[in-house]
Amino acid sequence: MRPTRRTLPLITAVVCLALAATACSSDTDGTASAAADQTKSPSAAPKPAPALTPAEARKAIAAYSTTNNLSHIKRDRALLDSVESGPRHAMSLADLKEDDALPKADRKPYRPWSYDLAATDLYIPRLQHGQQRWFAAVTRAGSKKQHARVLVLAENAKSKRWEMVATVDLDNPSQLPKITLDKDGYATAVDPASTSLATPVDLLRSAVIDNFATGGDLTGRKVLAPTEAAKRQVKAHHDTIHKFGTRGTTQFASADTKFPDSYALKTSTGALVVFSHNHTQHDAVAAPGMKIVPEKQDRAWLGTTPRPAFTYTFTCSDVAAVPTAPQPSSLLGYGCRRTDAAAAGPSTSV
């Protein structure tokens, strides 16, 4: 499994094709046949077909690993673009940008990686005709397969290529809810925005952003159970807002969601939802005349010139278990990357 920055494991889905049965009838004469043509009931609607087969899903995951490795070895962004999109692509581009700005002596050698397909569970939903094709997977790694990562791959409507759109490491794989499968082994897609879920995706997004912005004081702790992932977000808030001591201030805030697509699968208690959010971090000095010096990883975005204030934008992927019963949802994992930063002007206030 490929090591990532501030993230953990995720996985894949399963597929199959279903043929709709059509009714047939025979008549003894033409008159009866004509009458039957006028009165017979319409054929049943076709059963939703799987997004792809399990073999195709495993092939898509393997192809992603191979091409992703090659794109990083060659530093080939166009090649990377052919196998990634959404928040995963934004994070990868940010990693490349930051690494390229480091002195060569500080760059870590790239280590090729791959997912263990034998330790990967596929969750392939049946989809209506015209819906974007996608599937999810959970892959495991470690000596005891103790690390788990949720993957979501979606088909590019134009190129028809399968692209990785999200990877999220789970803090505790045992918390992964049981995903409902039909008799053929296929999953059921759920509308993440459905009000039949205790926490529709927009409210989930607001809650995780609130964990960063206020430490969960407004909606975070009301909407989300105190899982390890939720606690880490709250800790990030508490640790970061005090990092300057009396010399400066830090404030987190919501940012426009750049990748609003979300994906959900039916579980025994509700749905497993994978979504993305963006938030900002504004750092400012506490008094005129003081300035913040960009650190090494900052310099790809900010250069080396000290400034009194900077604003960073983060792109994050999150995965949550959402019940249908009116009770808190469980954030199971998240991963964030800084995907933009800029000097915020002379103001010393936030």
Protein backbone atom coordinates (compact mmCIF):
# COMPACT_ATOMS: atom_id res chain seq x y z
CA MET A 1 0.00 0.00 0.00
CA ARG A 2 1.27 3.40 -0.89
CA PRO A 3 2.20 5.58 2.08
CA THR A 4 0.23 8.80 2.13
CA ARG A 5 0.40 12.00 4.10
CA ARG A 6 -2.10 12.25 6.92
CA THR A 7 -4.40 9.57 5.52
CA LEU A 8 -5.10 5.79 5.98
CA PRO A 9 -6.60 2.75 3.96
CA LEU A 10 -9.67 2.41 1.64
CA ILE A 11 -11.18 -0.15 -0.78
CA THR A 12 -13.18 -1.39 -3.89
CA ALA A 13 -16.52 -2.73 -5.17
CA VAL A 14 -18.17 -5.59 -7.13
CA VAL A 15 -20.16 -5.84 -10.36
CA CYS A 16 -22.38 -8.02 -12.53
CA LEU A 17 -24.91 -7.74 -15.33
CA ALA A 18 -28.63 -8.45 -15.01
CA LEU A 19 -30.93 -9.11 -17.92
CA ALA A 20 -34.54 -8.03 -17.68
CA ALA A 21 -37.02 -10.76 -18.46
CA THR A 22 -39.67 -10.03 -21.09
CA ALA A 23 -43.06 -11.70 -21.13
CA CYS A 24 -44.28 -13.68 -24.15
CA SER A 25 -47.73 -14.98 -25.08
CA SER A 26 -49.24 -17.02 -27.90
CA ASP A 27 -52.69 -16.70 -29.43
CA THR A 28 -54.85 -19.13 -31.37
CA ASP A 29 -55.91 -16.63 -34.00
CA GLY A 30 -55.16 -13.17 -35.30
CA THR A 31 -58.17 -11.56 -33.57
CA ALA A 32 -57.12 -12.77 -30.16
CA SER A 33 -53.59 -11.66 -30.86
CA ALA A 34 -54.70 -8.16 -31.77
CA ALA A 35 -56.82 -7.90 -28.65
CA ALA A 36 -53.94 -9.09 -26.50
CA ASP A 37 -51.63 -6.49 -28.05
CA GLN A 38 -54.02 -3.79 -26.85
CA THR A 39 -54.58 -5.11 -23.32
CA LYS A 40 -51.35 -6.81 -22.20
CA SER A 41 -49.45 -5.08 -19.40
CA PRO A 42 -46.11 -3.40 -20.19
CA SER A 43 -42.88 -5.30 -19.51
CA ALA A 44 -41.27 -4.84 -16.13
CA ALA A 45 -38.59 -2.14 -15.93
CA PRO A 46 -35.06 -3.49 -16.42
CA LYS A 47 -33.26 -4.32 -13.20
CA PRO A 48 -30.39 -1.88 -12.53
CA ALA A 49 -27.15 -3.35 -13.84
CA PRO A 50 -23.88 -3.51 -11.92
CA ALA A 51 -21.44 -0.70 -12.73
CA LEU A 52 -18.89 -3.29 -13.91
CA THR A 53 -17.79 -6.84 -13.18
CA PRO A 54 -15.54 -7.79 -10.26
CA ALA A 55 -12.79 -8.72 -12.71
CA GLU A 56 -13.08 -5.32 -14.41
CA ALA A 57 -12.99 -3.59 -11.02
CA ARG A 58 -9.79 -5.34 -9.98
CA LYS A 59 -8.27 -4.54 -13.36
CA ALA A 60 -9.16 -0.87 -12.90
CA ILE A 61 -7.49 -0.78 -9.47
CA ALA A 62 -4.36 -2.50 -10.75
CA ALA A 63 -4.15 -0.17 -13.76
CA TYR A 64 -4.47 2.82 -11.45
CA SER A 65 -1.57 1.69 -9.26
CA THR A 66 0.69 1.09 -12.26
CA THR A 67 -0.07 4.41 -13.95
CA ASN A 68 0.05 6.37 -10.70
CA ASN A 69 3.54 5.03 -9.98
CA LEU A 70 4.74 5.88 -13.47
CA SER A 71 3.30 9.40 -13.33
CA HIS A 72 5.11 10.14 -10.07
CA ILE A 73 8.39 8.65 -11.23
CA LYS A 74 8.25 10.76 -14.40
CA ARG A 75 6.63 13.75 -12.62
CA ASP A 76 4.10 13.53 -15.46
CA ARG A 77 0.99 15.47 -14.50
CA ALA A 78 -0.82 14.67 -17.77
CA LEU A 79 -0.39 10.97 -17.10
CA LEU A 80 -1.64 11.42 -13.54
CA ASP A 81 -4.67 13.25 -14.91
CA SER A 82 -5.57 10.14 -16.92
CA VAL A 83 -6.17 8.03 -13.79
CA GLU A 84 -7.26 10.52 -11.12
CA SER A 85 -9.90 13.17 -10.68
CA GLY A 86 -11.77 14.94 -7.89
CA PRO A 87 -10.18 15.43 -4.48
CA ARG A 88 -7.66 12.60 -5.00
CA HIS A 89 -6.25 14.38 -8.07
CA ALA A 90 -6.09 17.75 -6.29
CA MET A 91 -4.16 16.17 -3.41
CA SER A 92 -1.70 14.40 -5.71
CA LEU A 93 -0.99 17.59 -7.64
CA ALA A 94 -0.37 19.39 -4.33
CA ASP A 95 2.11 16.70 -3.28
CA LEU A 96 4.00 17.06 -6.56
CA LYS A 97 4.04 20.84 -6.29
CA GLU A 98 5.41 20.82 -2.77
CA ASP A 99 8.03 18.17 -3.53
CA ASP A 100 9.22 19.99 -6.64
CA ALA A 101 9.79 23.14 -4.59
CA LEU A 102 12.02 21.39 -2.05
CA PRO A 103 15.80 21.24 -2.44
CA LYS A 104 16.76 17.89 -3.98
CA ALA A 105 18.48 16.87 -0.77
CA ASP A 106 15.17 17.17 1.08
CA ARG A 107 13.10 15.14 -1.39
CA LYS A 108 12.28 11.60 -0.33
CA PRO A 109 12.90 8.93 -2.99
CA TYR A 110 9.67 7.72 -4.56
CA ARG A 111 8.76 4.15 -3.63
CA PRO A 112 6.48 2.30 -6.08
CA TRP A 113 3.50 0.63 -4.43
CA SER A 114 0.40 -1.39 -5.25
CA TYR A 115 -2.82 -2.51 -3.60
CA ASP A 116 -3.12 -6.14 -2.52
CA LEU A 117 -6.05 -7.23 -4.67
CA ALA A 118 -6.35 -10.49 -2.75
CA ALA A 119 -7.00 -8.42 0.40
CA THR A 120 -9.45 -6.07 -1.29
CA ASP A 121 -13.22 -6.18 -0.87
CA LEU A 122 -15.22 -4.84 -3.80
CA TYR A 123 -18.52 -3.03 -3.42
CA ILE A 124 -20.06 -2.59 -6.85
CA PRO A 125 -23.45 -0.90 -6.91
CA ARG A 126 -26.25 -1.58 -9.35
CA LEU A 127 -27.01 1.66 -11.19
CA GLN A 128 -29.86 2.95 -13.31
CA HIS A 129 -29.22 3.55 -17.00
CA GLY A 130 -27.63 6.97 -17.48
CA GLN A 131 -26.13 7.20 -13.99
CA GLN A 132 -22.40 7.77 -13.73
CA ARG A 133 -20.68 4.44 -13.17
CA TRP A 134 -18.65 4.10 -9.97
CA PHE A 135 -17.67 1.55 -7.39
CA ALA A 136 -15.98 1.40 -4.01
CA ALA A 137 -13.44 -0.92 -2.45
CA VAL A 138 -11.79 -1.52 0.88
CA THR A 139 -8.19 -2.64 0.67
CA ARG A 140 -6.13 -3.91 3.57
CA ALA A 141 -2.42 -3.91 4.36
CA GLY A 142 -0.02 -4.63 7.18
CA SER A 143 1.31 -7.85 8.67
CA LYS A 144 -2.12 -8.61 10.09
CA LYS A 145 -4.11 -6.66 7.48
CA GLN A 146 -4.78 -4.16 10.25
CA HIS A 147 -4.76 -1.09 8.00
CA ALA A 148 -7.73 -0.38 5.78
CA ARG A 149 -8.39 2.19 3.11
CA VAL A 150 -11.61 3.06 1.31
CA LEU A 151 -11.31 3.70 -2.41
CA VAL A 152 -13.83 5.19 -4.80
CA LEU A 153 -13.31 4.96 -8.56
CA ALA A 154 -15.60 6.58 -11.10
CA GLU A 155 -15.81 6.37 -14.87
CA ASN A 156 -14.87 9.49 -16.80
CA ALA A 157 -17.90 10.23 -18.97
CA LYS A 158 -15.78 11.46 -21.90
CA SER A 159 -12.74 9.19 -21.91
CA LYS A 160 -14.57 6.17 -20.44
CA ARG A 161 -11.51 5.58 -18.25
CA TRP A 162 -11.81 4.60 -14.62
CA GLU A 163 -10.32 7.26 -12.34
CA MET A 164 -9.56 7.27 -8.63
CA VAL A 165 -11.61 10.06 -7.07
CA ALA A 166 -11.14 9.39 -3.34
CA THR A 167 -8.93 7.43 -0.97
CA VAL A 168 -9.57 7.56 2.77
CA ASP A 169 -7.77 5.64 5.49
CA LEU A 170 -9.92 4.22 8.27
CA ASP A 171 -8.86 4.91 11.83
CA ASN A 172 -10.42 1.66 13.06
CA PRO A 173 -11.34 -0.89 10.37
CA SER A 174 -13.59 -2.74 12.84
CA GLN A 175 -15.95 0.26 12.78
CA LEU A 176 -16.70 -0.23 9.08
CA PRO A 177 -20.43 -1.03 8.88
CA LYS A 178 -21.69 -4.10 7.05
CA ILE A 179 -22.44 -3.12 3.48
CA THR A 180 -25.62 -4.72 2.15
CA LEU A 181 -25.14 -7.08 -0.80
CA ASP A 182 -27.81 -8.75 -2.94
CA LYS A 183 -27.89 -12.47 -3.75
CA ASP A 184 -25.43 -11.88 -6.60
CA GLY A 185 -22.97 -10.00 -4.40
CA TYR A 186 -23.71 -6.48 -5.63
CA ALA A 187 -24.20 -3.40 -3.47
CA THR A 188 -27.01 -0.83 -3.48
CA ALA A 189 -26.28 2.82 -4.19
CA VAL A 190 -27.95 5.34 -1.87
CA ASP A 191 -28.61 9.04 -2.41
CA PRO A 192 -26.20 10.73 0.06
CA ALA A 193 -28.49 13.76 0.20
CA SER A 194 -31.55 11.72 1.14
CA THR A 195 -33.47 12.91 4.18
CA SER A 196 -34.12 9.27 5.02
CA LEU A 197 -30.57 9.32 6.41
CA ALA A 198 -30.03 10.79 9.86
CA THR A 199 -27.35 13.09 8.44
CA PRO A 200 -27.60 14.08 4.75
CA VAL A 201 -24.24 14.76 3.14
CA ASP A 202 -24.43 18.58 3.32
CA LEU A 203 -24.91 18.37 7.09
CA LEU A 204 -22.03 15.89 7.34
CA ARG A 205 -19.83 18.34 5.48
CA SER A 206 -20.85 21.20 7.77
CA ALA A 207 -20.15 19.10 10.84
CA VAL A 208 -16.60 18.12 9.90
CA ILE A 209 -15.80 21.71 8.92
CA ASP A 210 -17.16 22.85 12.29
CA ASN A 211 -14.79 20.43 14.03
CA PHE A 212 -11.91 22.38 12.48
CA ALA A 213 -13.51 25.82 12.79
CA THR A 214 -14.80 25.72 16.38
CA GLY A 215 -13.68 22.40 17.78
CA GLY A 216 -17.18 21.06 17.12
CA ASP A 217 -18.99 23.54 19.33
CA LEU A 218 -21.75 24.41 16.84
CA THR A 219 -22.70 21.32 14.82
CA GLY A 220 -19.73 18.94 14.97
CA ARG A 221 -20.45 17.35 18.33
CA LYS A 222 -24.22 17.38 17.76
CA VAL A 223 -24.03 15.57 14.43
CA LEU A 224 -20.97 13.33 14.87
CA ALA A 225 -20.21 10.70 17.48
CA PRO A 226 -16.85 11.07 19.28
CA THR A 227 -14.89 8.67 17.05
CA GLU A 228 -11.11 8.82 16.76
CA ALA A 229 -11.40 10.62 13.42
CA ALA A 230 -13.71 13.28 14.85
CA LYS A 231 -11.43 13.71 17.86
CA ARG A 232 -8.42 14.23 15.58
CA GLN A 233 -10.22 17.04 13.78
CA VAL A 234 -11.07 18.73 17.08
CA LYS A 235 -7.47 18.26 18.25
CA ALA A 236 -6.22 19.86 15.03
CA HIS A 237 -8.36 22.89 15.87
CA HIS A 238 -7.14 23.17 19.47
CA ASP A 239 -3.46 22.58 18.65
CA THR A 240 -3.32 24.90 15.66
CA ILE A 241 -5.14 27.94 17.00
CA HIS A 242 -2.57 28.15 19.81
CA LYS A 243 0.56 27.40 17.78
CA PHE A 244 1.78 31.02 17.80
CA GLY A 245 1.09 31.62 21.47
CA THR A 246 0.81 35.38 22.07
CA ARG A 247 2.64 36.25 18.83
CA GLY A 248 -0.14 35.42 16.39
CA THR A 249 -3.55 33.97 15.74
CA THR A 250 -5.03 31.18 13.62
CA GLN A 251 -8.61 30.76 12.48
CA PHE A 252 -10.22 27.97 10.49
CA ALA A 253 -13.22 28.63 8.26
CA SER A 254 -15.41 26.92 5.68
CA ALA A 255 -14.48 27.20 2.00
CA ASP A 256 -16.52 26.56 -1.11
CA THR A 257 -16.71 22.84 -1.84
CA LYS A 258 -14.66 22.26 -4.99
CA PHE A 259 -15.71 18.63 -5.33
CA PRO A 260 -19.37 18.26 -4.35
CA ASP A 261 -19.80 14.70 -5.70
CA SER A 262 -20.43 12.16 -2.96
CA TYR A 263 -20.95 8.41 -2.98
CA ALA A 264 -23.00 6.20 -0.67
CA LEU A 265 -23.71 2.49 -0.28
CA LYS A 266 -26.51 0.91 1.70
CA THR A 267 -25.49 -0.73 4.97
CA SER A 268 -27.37 -2.81 7.53
CA THR A 269 -28.02 0.35 9.58
CA GLY A 270 -28.03 3.14 6.98
CA ALA A 271 -25.29 4.11 4.53
CA LEU A 272 -21.53 4.41 4.14
CA VAL A 273 -20.90 7.87 2.70
CA VAL A 274 -17.70 9.14 1.05
CA PHE A 275 -17.55 12.89 0.47
CA SER A 276 -15.18 15.83 0.19
CA HIS A 277 -14.88 19.18 1.90
CA ASN A 278 -12.66 22.28 1.77
CA HIS A 279 -11.65 24.58 4.59
CA THR A 280 -9.21 27.42 5.09
CA GLN A 281 -6.66 28.28 7.76
CA HIS A 282 -5.79 31.94 8.25
CA ASP A 283 -2.57 32.71 10.14
CA ALA A 284 -1.79 36.28 11.20
CA VAL A 285 0.69 38.02 13.46
CA ALA A 286 -0.58 39.67 16.60
CA ALA A 287 1.16 43.05 16.25
CA PRO A 288 2.42 45.41 13.53
CA GLY A 289 6.01 44.86 12.50
CA MET A 290 5.90 41.10 13.05
CA LYS A 291 5.94 38.63 10.13
CA ILE A 292 5.51 34.90 9.50
CA VAL A 293 8.36 33.10 7.74
CA PRO A 294 7.15 30.40 5.29
CA GLU A 295 8.33 26.90 6.18
CA LYS A 296 9.82 24.51 3.63
CA GLN A 297 6.54 22.92 2.60
CA ASP A 298 4.93 26.38 2.41
CA ARG A 299 7.43 27.72 -0.07
CA ALA A 300 5.89 25.96 -3.06
CA TRP A 301 2.91 28.23 -2.54
CA LEU A 302 4.28 31.29 -0.77
CA GLY A 303 7.93 31.63 -1.76
CA THR A 304 10.37 32.72 0.93
CA THR A 305 9.20 36.27 1.66
CA PRO A 306 7.92 36.76 5.25
CA ARG A 307 4.44 38.28 5.50
CA PRO A 308 2.14 39.34 8.31
CA ALA A 309 -0.63 36.93 7.25
CA PHE A 310 -1.24 33.86 5.10
CA THR A 311 -4.37 31.92 4.14
CA TYR A 312 -4.14 28.20 3.34
CA THR A 313 -6.82 26.16 1.57
CA PHE A 314 -7.20 22.45 2.29
CA THR A 315 -8.93 19.74 0.27
CA CYS A 316 -10.14 16.75 2.28
CA SER A 317 -11.83 13.40 1.72
CA ASP A 318 -14.02 11.96 4.47
CA VAL A 319 -15.89 8.70 5.07
CA ALA A 320 -18.75 8.29 7.52
CA ALA A 321 -21.22 5.66 8.66
CA VAL A 322 -24.64 7.31 8.64
CA PRO A 323 -27.64 5.65 10.30
CA THR A 324 -31.26 5.95 9.26
CA ALA A 325 -32.26 6.16 12.92
CA PRO A 326 -32.14 9.65 14.49
CA GLN A 327 -28.75 9.33 16.14
CA PRO A 328 -25.22 10.70 15.55
CA SER A 329 -23.22 9.61 12.51
CA SER A 330 -19.72 8.19 12.85
CA LEU A 331 -16.78 9.76 11.04
CA LEU A 332 -14.54 6.77 10.28
CA GLY A 333 -11.61 8.52 8.64
CA TYR A 334 -10.44 11.57 6.73
CA GLY A 335 -7.39 12.88 4.93
CA CYS A 336 -6.44 16.45 4.00
CA ARG A 337 -3.84 18.18 1.84
CA ARG A 338 -3.00 21.84 1.51
CA THR A 339 -3.98 22.59 -2.10
CA ASP A 340 -3.50 26.37 -2.16
CA ALA A 341 -2.00 29.19 -0.12
CA ALA A 342 -1.56 32.93 -0.52
CA ALA A 343 -0.33 35.98 1.33
CA ALA A 344 -3.34 37.54 2.96
CA GLY A 345 -2.27 41.17 3.07
CA PRO A 346 -1.03 43.48 5.84
CA SER A 347 -3.85 42.86 8.31
CA THR A 348 -2.80 41.52 11.71
CA SER A 349 -6.34 40.44 12.58
CA VAL A 350 -8.33 37.38 11.58
